[in-house]
Amino acid sequence: MHFVGLDLAWGDKNQTGVAAVGADGRLLHVGVAQDDESIATVVTPYVADDCLVAIDAPLIVPNEAGARPCGQRSDWR
């Protein structure tokens, strides 16, 4: 059993965050993907058997910046 998390990017310019965790809680993968094909490539090994996939994909952000506060910081990278 695997657990996969996707934090989908807004548009084609940003990267999507991808993480996979095993049933024992061990982190198996953490990284980014740029498009649908690369997301599918990254998650394929983890979704072949029983899995749970969680997707963070907000459709709107009701603020002037157009980004969530965590995405507005420039000093964390």
PDB file of N, CA and C in Angstrom:
ATOM      1  N   MET A   1       0.863  -1.186   0.000  1.00  0.00           N
ATOM      2  CA  MET A   1       0.000   0.000   0.000  1.00  0.00           C
ATOM      3  C   MET A   1       0.892   1.226   0.000  1.00  0.00           C
ATOM      4  N   HIS A   2       0.551   2.164  -0.863  1.00  0.00           N
ATOM      5  CA  HIS A   2       1.271   3.424  -0.926  1.00  0.00           C
ATOM      6  C   HIS A   2       0.293   4.584  -0.741  1.00  0.00           C
ATOM      7  N   PHE A   3       0.836   5.696  -0.318  1.00  0.00           N
ATOM      8  CA  PHE A   3       0.104   6.942  -0.180  1.00  0.00           C
ATOM      9  C   PHE A   3       0.814   7.978  -1.034  1.00  0.00           C
ATOM     10  N   VAL A   4       0.075   8.606  -1.937  1.00  0.00           N
ATOM     11  CA  VAL A   4       0.653   9.575  -2.857  1.00  0.00           C
ATOM     12  C   VAL A   4      -0.025  10.915  -2.644  1.00  0.00           C
ATOM     13  N   GLY A   5       0.767  11.976  -2.599  1.00  0.00           N
ATOM     14  CA  GLY A   5       0.234  13.324  -2.476  1.00  0.00           C
ATOM     15  C   GLY A   5       0.672  14.168  -3.650  1.00  0.00           C
ATOM     16  N   LEU A   6      -0.278  14.899  -4.221  1.00  0.00           N
ATOM     17  CA  LEU A   6       0.004  15.815  -5.324  1.00  0.00           C
ATOM     18  C   LEU A   6      -0.451  17.214  -4.937  1.00  0.00           C
ATOM     19  N   ASP A   7       0.423  18.176  -5.085  1.00  0.00           N
ATOM     20  CA  ASP A   7       0.066  19.580  -4.899  1.00  0.00           C
ATOM     21  C   ASP A   7       0.161  20.209  -6.279  1.00  0.00           C
ATOM     22  N   LEU A   8      -0.975  20.237  -6.979  1.00  0.00           N
ATOM     23  CA  LEU A   8      -0.986  20.661  -8.374  1.00  0.00           C
ATOM     24  C   LEU A   8      -0.614  22.129  -8.535  1.00  0.00           C
ATOM     25  N   ALA A   9       0.186  22.389  -9.559  1.00  0.00           N
ATOM     26  CA  ALA A   9       0.611  23.754  -9.878  1.00  0.00           C
ATOM     27  C   ALA A   9      -0.522  24.506 -10.541  1.00  0.00           C
ATOM     28  N   TRP A  10      -0.414  25.805 -10.525  1.00  0.00           N
ATOM     29  CA  TRP A  10      -1.375  26.663 -11.205  1.00  0.00           C
ATOM     30  C   TRP A  10      -0.793  27.014 -12.557  1.00  0.00           C
ATOM     31  N   GLY A  11      -1.253  26.380 -13.589  1.00  0.00           N
ATOM     32  CA  GLY A  11      -0.784  26.686 -14.938  1.00  0.00           C
ATOM     33  C   GLY A  11       0.443  25.885 -15.315  1.00  0.00           C
ATOM     34  N   ASP A  12       0.965  26.167 -16.487  1.00  0.00           N
ATOM     35  CA  ASP A  12       2.078  25.393 -17.027  1.00  0.00           C
ATOM     36  C   ASP A  12       3.446  25.881 -16.570  1.00  0.00           C
ATOM     37  N   LYS A  13       3.532  27.052 -15.974  1.00  0.00           N
ATOM     38  CA  LYS A  13       4.829  27.611 -15.592  1.00  0.00           C
ATOM     39  C   LYS A  13       5.331  27.083 -14.251  1.00  0.00           C
ATOM     40  N   ASN A  14       4.429  26.695 -13.370  1.00  0.00           N
ATOM     41  CA  ASN A  14       4.816  26.242 -12.030  1.00  0.00           C
ATOM     42  C   ASN A  14       4.942  24.729 -11.982  1.00  0.00           C
ATOM     43  N   GLN A  15       5.634  24.244 -10.972  1.00  0.00           N
ATOM     44  CA  GLN A  15       5.826  22.805 -10.823  1.00  0.00           C
ATOM     45  C   GLN A  15       4.827  22.226  -9.833  1.00  0.00           C
ATOM     46  N   THR A  16       4.464  20.978 -10.061  1.00  0.00           N
ATOM     47  CA  THR A  16       3.578  20.232  -9.180  1.00  0.00           C
ATOM     48  C   THR A  16       4.421  19.452  -8.188  1.00  0.00           C
ATOM     49  N   GLY A  17       4.077  19.536  -6.917  1.00  0.00           N
ATOM     50  CA  GLY A  17       4.778  18.764  -5.897  1.00  0.00           C
ATOM     51  C   GLY A  17       4.228  17.352  -5.833  1.00  0.00           C
ATOM     52  N   VAL A  18       5.138  16.378  -5.713  1.00  0.00           N
ATOM     53  CA  VAL A  18       4.758  14.969  -5.675  1.00  0.00           C
ATOM     54  C   VAL A  18       5.483  14.288  -4.518  1.00  0.00           C
ATOM     55  N   ALA A  19       4.734  13.530  -3.724  1.00  0.00           N
ATOM     56  CA  ALA A  19       5.332  12.755  -2.641  1.00  0.00           C
ATOM     57  C   ALA A  19       4.672  11.380  -2.589  1.00  0.00           C
ATOM     58  N   ALA A  20       5.471  10.387  -2.224  1.00  0.00           N
ATOM     59  CA  ALA A  20       4.947   9.029  -2.048  1.00  0.00           C
ATOM     60  C   ALA A  20       5.494   8.465  -0.743  1.00  0.00           C
ATOM     61  N   VAL A  21       4.611   7.828   0.020  1.00  0.00           N
ATOM     62  CA  VAL A  21       4.948   7.253   1.318  1.00  0.00           C
ATOM     63  C   VAL A  21       4.500   5.798   1.315  1.00  0.00           C
ATOM     64  N   GLY A  22       5.324   4.923   1.895  1.00  0.00           N
ATOM     65  CA  GLY A  22       4.972   3.516   2.000  1.00  0.00           C
ATOM     66  C   GLY A  22       4.053   3.258   3.183  1.00  0.00           C
ATOM     67  N   ALA A  23       3.512   2.057   3.253  1.00  0.00           N
ATOM     68  CA  ALA A  23       2.605   1.681   4.337  1.00  0.00           C
ATOM     69  C   ALA A  23       3.274   1.798   5.702  1.00  0.00           C
ATOM     70  N   ASP A  24       4.601   1.682   5.732  1.00  0.00           N
ATOM     71  CA  ASP A  24       5.338   1.777   6.993  1.00  0.00           C
ATOM     72  C   ASP A  24       5.665   3.218   7.380  1.00  0.00           C
ATOM     73  N   GLY A  25       5.194   4.191   6.572  1.00  0.00           N
ATOM     74  CA  GLY A  25       5.427   5.596   6.866  1.00  0.00           C
ATOM     75  C   GLY A  25       6.737   6.133   6.318  1.00  0.00           C
ATOM     76  N   ARG A  26       7.461   5.305   5.599  1.00  0.00           N
ATOM     77  CA  ARG A  26       8.756   5.715   5.040  1.00  0.00           C
ATOM     78  C   ARG A  26       8.535   6.538   3.771  1.00  0.00           C
ATOM     79  N   LEU A  27       9.218   7.679   3.685  1.00  0.00           N
ATOM     80  CA  LEU A  27       9.142   8.519   2.495  1.00  0.00           C
ATOM     81  C   LEU A  27       9.882   7.831   1.357  1.00  0.00           C
ATOM     82  N   LEU A  28       9.174   7.563   0.272  1.00  0.00           N
ATOM     83  CA  LEU A  28       9.749   6.857  -0.865  1.00  0.00           C
ATOM     84  C   LEU A  28      10.140   7.800  -1.992  1.00  0.00           C
ATOM     85  N   HIS A  29       9.431   8.896  -2.111  1.00  0.00           N
ATOM     86  CA  HIS A  29       9.728   9.857  -3.172  1.00  0.00           C
ATOM     87  C   HIS A  29       9.233  11.226  -2.767  1.00  0.00           C
ATOM     88  N   VAL A  30      10.022  12.231  -3.072  1.00  0.00           N
ATOM     89  CA  VAL A  30       9.589  13.621  -2.968  1.00  0.00           C
ATOM     90  C   VAL A  30      10.256  14.371  -4.114  1.00  0.00           C
ATOM     91  N   GLY A  31       9.462  15.133  -4.836  1.00  0.00           N
ATOM     92  CA  GLY A  31      10.009  15.850  -5.971  1.00  0.00           C
ATOM     93  C   GLY A  31       8.952  16.694  -6.642  1.00  0.00           C
ATOM     94  N   VAL A  32       9.260  17.096  -7.866  1.00  0.00           N
ATOM     95  CA  VAL A  32       8.351  17.937  -8.631  1.00  0.00           C
ATOM     96  C   VAL A  32       8.142  17.356 -10.021  1.00  0.00           C
ATOM     97  N   ALA A  33       7.050  17.753 -10.632  1.00  0.00           N
ATOM     98  CA  ALA A  33       6.733  17.367 -12.005  1.00  0.00           C
ATOM     99  C   ALA A  33       6.231  18.612 -12.722  1.00  0.00           C
ATOM    100  N   GLN A  34       6.431  18.651 -14.030  1.00  0.00           N
ATOM    101  CA  GLN A  34       6.099  19.866 -14.775  1.00  0.00           C
ATOM    102  C   GLN A  34       4.778  19.783 -15.527  1.00  0.00           C
ATOM    103  N   ASP A  35       4.384  18.580 -15.958  1.00  0.00           N
ATOM    104  CA  ASP A  35       3.167  18.454 -16.775  1.00  0.00           C
ATOM    105  C   ASP A  35       2.489  17.119 -16.470  1.00  0.00           C
ATOM    106  N   ASP A  36       1.343  16.878 -17.107  1.00  0.00           N
ATOM    107  CA  ASP A  36       0.575  15.658 -16.836  1.00  0.00           C
ATOM    108  C   ASP A  36       1.399  14.399 -17.087  1.00  0.00           C
ATOM    109  N   GLU A  37       2.155  14.381 -18.164  1.00  0.00           N
ATOM    110  CA  GLU A  37       2.955  13.200 -18.502  1.00  0.00           C
ATOM    111  C   GLU A  37       4.012  12.919 -17.439  1.00  0.00           C
ATOM    112  N   SER A  38       4.686  13.951 -16.964  1.00  0.00           N
ATOM    113  CA  SER A  38       5.708  13.727 -15.947  1.00  0.00           C
ATOM    114  C   SER A  38       5.091  13.353 -14.598  1.00  0.00           C
ATOM    115  N   ILE A  39       3.890  13.861 -14.295  1.00  0.00           N
ATOM    116  CA  ILE A  39       3.195  13.436 -13.073  1.00  0.00           C
ATOM    117  C   ILE A  39       2.890  11.944 -13.163  1.00  0.00           C
ATOM    118  N   ALA A  40       2.335  11.514 -14.289  1.00  0.00           N
ATOM    119  CA  ALA A  40       2.003  10.101 -14.481  1.00  0.00           C
ATOM    120  C   ALA A  40       3.244   9.224 -14.370  1.00  0.00           C
ATOM    121  N   THR A  41       4.341   9.653 -14.934  1.00  0.00           N
ATOM    122  CA  THR A  41       5.586   8.886 -14.880  1.00  0.00           C
ATOM    123  C   THR A  41       6.065   8.716 -13.442  1.00  0.00           C
ATOM    124  N   VAL A  42       6.003   9.789 -12.665  1.00  0.00           N
ATOM    125  CA  VAL A  42       6.474   9.739 -11.276  1.00  0.00           C
ATOM    126  C   VAL A  42       5.593   8.847 -10.415  1.00  0.00           C
ATOM    127  N   VAL A  43       4.275   8.930 -10.559  1.00  0.00           N
ATOM    128  CA  VAL A  43       3.385   8.197  -9.655  1.00  0.00           C
ATOM    129  C   VAL A  43       3.130   6.752 -10.072  1.00  0.00           C
ATOM    130  N   THR A  44       3.393   6.397 -11.309  1.00  0.00           N
ATOM    131  CA  THR A  44       3.085   5.051 -11.808  1.00  0.00           C
ATOM    132  C   THR A  44       3.602   3.926 -10.913  1.00  0.00           C
ATOM    133  N   PRO A  45       4.836   3.956 -10.440  1.00  0.00           N
ATOM    134  CA  PRO A  45       5.293   2.846  -9.588  1.00  0.00           C
ATOM    135  C   PRO A  45       4.525   2.707  -8.268  1.00  0.00           C
ATOM    136  N   TYR A  46       3.908   3.781  -7.824  1.00  0.00           N
ATOM    137  CA  TYR A  46       3.243   3.774  -6.519  1.00  0.00           C
ATOM    138  C   TYR A  46       1.745   3.515  -6.602  1.00  0.00           C
ATOM    139  N   VAL A  47       1.165   3.583  -7.780  1.00  0.00           N
ATOM    140  CA  VAL A  47      -0.276   3.394  -7.911  1.00  0.00           C
ATOM    141  C   VAL A  47      -0.641   2.084  -8.613  1.00  0.00           C
ATOM    142  N   ALA A  48       0.349   1.240  -8.859  1.00  0.00           N
ATOM    143  CA  ALA A  48       0.093  -0.033  -9.544  1.00  0.00           C
ATOM    144  C   ALA A  48      -0.727  -0.982  -8.672  1.00  0.00           C
ATOM    145  N   ASP A  49      -0.551  -0.917  -7.366  1.00  0.00           N
ATOM    146  CA  ASP A  49      -1.298  -1.760  -6.427  1.00  0.00           C
ATOM    147  C   ASP A  49      -2.191  -0.861  -5.578  1.00  0.00           C
ATOM    148  N   ASP A  50      -2.632  -1.373  -4.422  1.00  0.00           N
ATOM    149  CA  ASP A  50      -3.466  -0.565  -3.531  1.00  0.00           C
ATOM    150  C   ASP A  50      -2.760   0.741  -3.180  1.00  0.00           C
ATOM    151  N   CYS A  51      -3.509   1.828  -3.263  1.00  0.00           N
ATOM    152  CA  CYS A  51      -2.930   3.125  -2.936  1.00  0.00           C
ATOM    153  C   CYS A  51      -4.041   4.110  -2.580  1.00  0.00           C
ATOM    154  N   LEU A  52      -3.627   5.168  -1.949  1.00  0.00           N
ATOM    155  CA  LEU A  52      -4.512   6.291  -1.670  1.00  0.00           C
ATOM    156  C   LEU A  52      -3.810   7.521  -2.219  1.00  0.00           C
ATOM    157  N   VAL A  53      -4.509   8.290  -3.055  1.00  0.00           N
ATOM    158  CA  VAL A  53      -3.935   9.487  -3.654  1.00  0.00           C
ATOM    159  C   VAL A  53      -4.722  10.693  -3.159  1.00  0.00           C
ATOM    160  N   ALA A  54      -4.007  11.676  -2.622  1.00  0.00           N
ATOM    161  CA  ALA A  54      -4.619  12.929  -2.187  1.00  0.00           C
ATOM    162  C   ALA A  54      -4.125  14.041  -3.110  1.00  0.00           C
ATOM    163  N   ILE A  55      -5.047  14.879  -3.544  1.00  0.00           N
ATOM    164  CA  ILE A  55      -4.710  15.931  -4.497  1.00  0.00           C
ATOM    165  C   ILE A  55      -5.133  17.282  -3.939  1.00  0.00           C
ATOM    166  N   ASP A  56      -4.170  18.208  -3.879  1.00  0.00           N
ATOM    167  CA  ASP A  56      -4.454  19.586  -3.489  1.00  0.00           C
ATOM    168  C   ASP A  56      -4.512  20.396  -4.777  1.00  0.00           C
ATOM    169  N   ALA A  57      -5.707  20.816  -5.144  1.00  0.00           N
ATOM    170  CA  ALA A  57      -5.891  21.541  -6.408  1.00  0.00           C
ATOM    171  C   ALA A  57      -6.948  22.621  -6.250  1.00  0.00           C
ATOM    172  N   PRO A  58      -6.639  23.705  -5.517  1.00  0.00           N
ATOM    173  CA  PRO A  58      -7.615  24.762  -5.358  1.00  0.00           C
ATOM    174  C   PRO A  58      -7.967  25.388  -6.710  1.00  0.00           C
ATOM    175  N   LEU A  59      -9.232  25.667  -6.900  1.00  0.00           N
ATOM    176  CA  LEU A  59      -9.676  26.230  -8.166  1.00  0.00           C
ATOM    177  C   LEU A  59      -9.645  27.753  -8.187  1.00  0.00           C
ATOM    178  N   ILE A  60      -9.813  28.368  -7.031  1.00  0.00           N
ATOM    179  CA  ILE A  60      -9.757  29.823  -6.956  1.00  0.00           C
ATOM    180  C   ILE A  60      -8.987  30.242  -5.720  1.00  0.00           C
ATOM    181  N   VAL A  61      -8.407  31.412  -5.782  1.00  0.00           N
ATOM    182  CA  VAL A  61      -7.748  32.018  -4.630  1.00  0.00           C
ATOM    183  C   VAL A  61      -8.287  33.440  -4.530  1.00  0.00           C
ATOM    184  N   PRO A  62      -9.135  33.681  -3.543  1.00  0.00           N
ATOM    185  CA  PRO A  62      -9.807  34.978  -3.458  1.00  0.00           C
ATOM    186  C   PRO A  62      -8.942  36.066  -2.807  1.00  0.00           C
ATOM    187  N   ASN A  63      -7.803  36.382  -3.421  1.00  0.00           N
ATOM    188  CA  ASN A  63      -7.005  37.507  -2.942  1.00  0.00           C
ATOM    189  C   ASN A  63      -6.329  38.192  -4.129  1.00  0.00           C
ATOM    190  N   GLU A  64      -5.866  39.396  -3.919  1.00  0.00           N
ATOM    191  CA  GLU A  64      -5.303  40.184  -5.010  1.00  0.00           C
ATOM    192  C   GLU A  64      -4.024  39.596  -5.577  1.00  0.00           C
ATOM    193  N   ALA A  65      -3.243  38.920  -4.748  1.00  0.00           N
ATOM    194  CA  ALA A  65      -1.968  38.365  -5.208  1.00  0.00           C
ATOM    195  C   ALA A  65      -2.178  37.173  -6.134  1.00  0.00           C
ATOM    196  N   GLY A  66      -3.330  36.507  -6.019  1.00  0.00           N
ATOM    197  CA  GLY A  66      -3.592  35.339  -6.852  1.00  0.00           C
ATOM    198  C   GLY A  66      -2.811  34.115  -6.419  1.00  0.00           C
ATOM    199  N   ALA A  67      -2.303  34.131  -5.197  1.00  0.00           N
ATOM    200  CA  ALA A  67      -1.548  32.999  -4.669  1.00  0.00           C
ATOM    201  C   ALA A  67      -1.869  32.844  -3.192  1.00  0.00           C
ATOM    202  N   ARG A  68      -1.735  31.625  -2.708  1.00  0.00           N
ATOM    203  CA  ARG A  68      -1.900  31.407  -1.281  1.00  0.00           C
ATOM    204  C   ARG A  68      -0.708  32.019  -0.547  1.00  0.00           C
ATOM    205  N   PRO A  69      -0.863  32.420   0.706  1.00  0.00           N
ATOM    206  CA  PRO A  69       0.246  33.052   1.431  1.00  0.00           C
ATOM    207  C   PRO A  69       1.533  32.223   1.406  1.00  0.00           C
ATOM    208  N   CYS A  70       1.432  30.910   1.484  1.00  0.00           N
ATOM    209  CA  CYS A  70       2.644  30.084   1.483  1.00  0.00           C
ATOM    210  C   CYS A  70       3.361  30.146   0.138  1.00  0.00           C
ATOM    211  N   GLY A  71       2.655  30.477  -0.929  1.00  0.00           N
ATOM    212  CA  GLY A  71       3.278  30.563  -2.241  1.00  0.00           C
ATOM    213  C   GLY A  71       3.810  31.946  -2.566  1.00  0.00           C
ATOM    214  N   GLN A  72       3.624  32.901  -1.676  1.00  0.00           N
ATOM    215  CA  GLN A  72       4.048  34.270  -1.923  1.00  0.00           C
ATOM    216  C   GLN A  72       5.426  34.573  -1.358  1.00  0.00           C
ATOM    217  N   ARG A  73       5.946  33.712  -0.513  1.00  0.00           N
ATOM    218  CA  ARG A  73       7.243  33.973   0.120  1.00  0.00           C
ATOM    219  C   ARG A  73       8.361  33.806  -0.885  1.00  0.00           C
ATOM    220  N   SER A  74       9.285  34.694  -0.909  1.00  0.00           N
ATOM    221  CA  SER A  74      10.416  34.589  -1.817  1.00  0.00           C
ATOM    222  C   SER A  74      11.691  34.198  -1.098  1.00  0.00           C
ATOM    223  N   ASP A  75      11.680  34.147   0.233  1.00  0.00           N
ATOM    224  CA  ASP A  75      12.915  33.876   0.983  1.00  0.00           C
ATOM    225  C   ASP A  75      13.040  32.434   1.453  1.00  0.00           C
ATOM    226  N   TRP A  76      12.138  31.543   1.074  1.00  0.00           N
ATOM    227  CA  TRP A  76      12.174  30.158   1.581  1.00  0.00           C
ATOM    228  C   TRP A  76      12.894  29.203   0.664  1.00  0.00           C
ATOM    229  N   ARG A  77      13.208  29.569  -0.526  1.00  0.00           N
ATOM    230  CA  ARG A  77      13.854  28.646  -1.465  1.00  0.00           C
ATOM    231  C   ARG A  77      15.330  28.520  -1.237  1.00  0.00           C
TER     232      ARG A  77
END
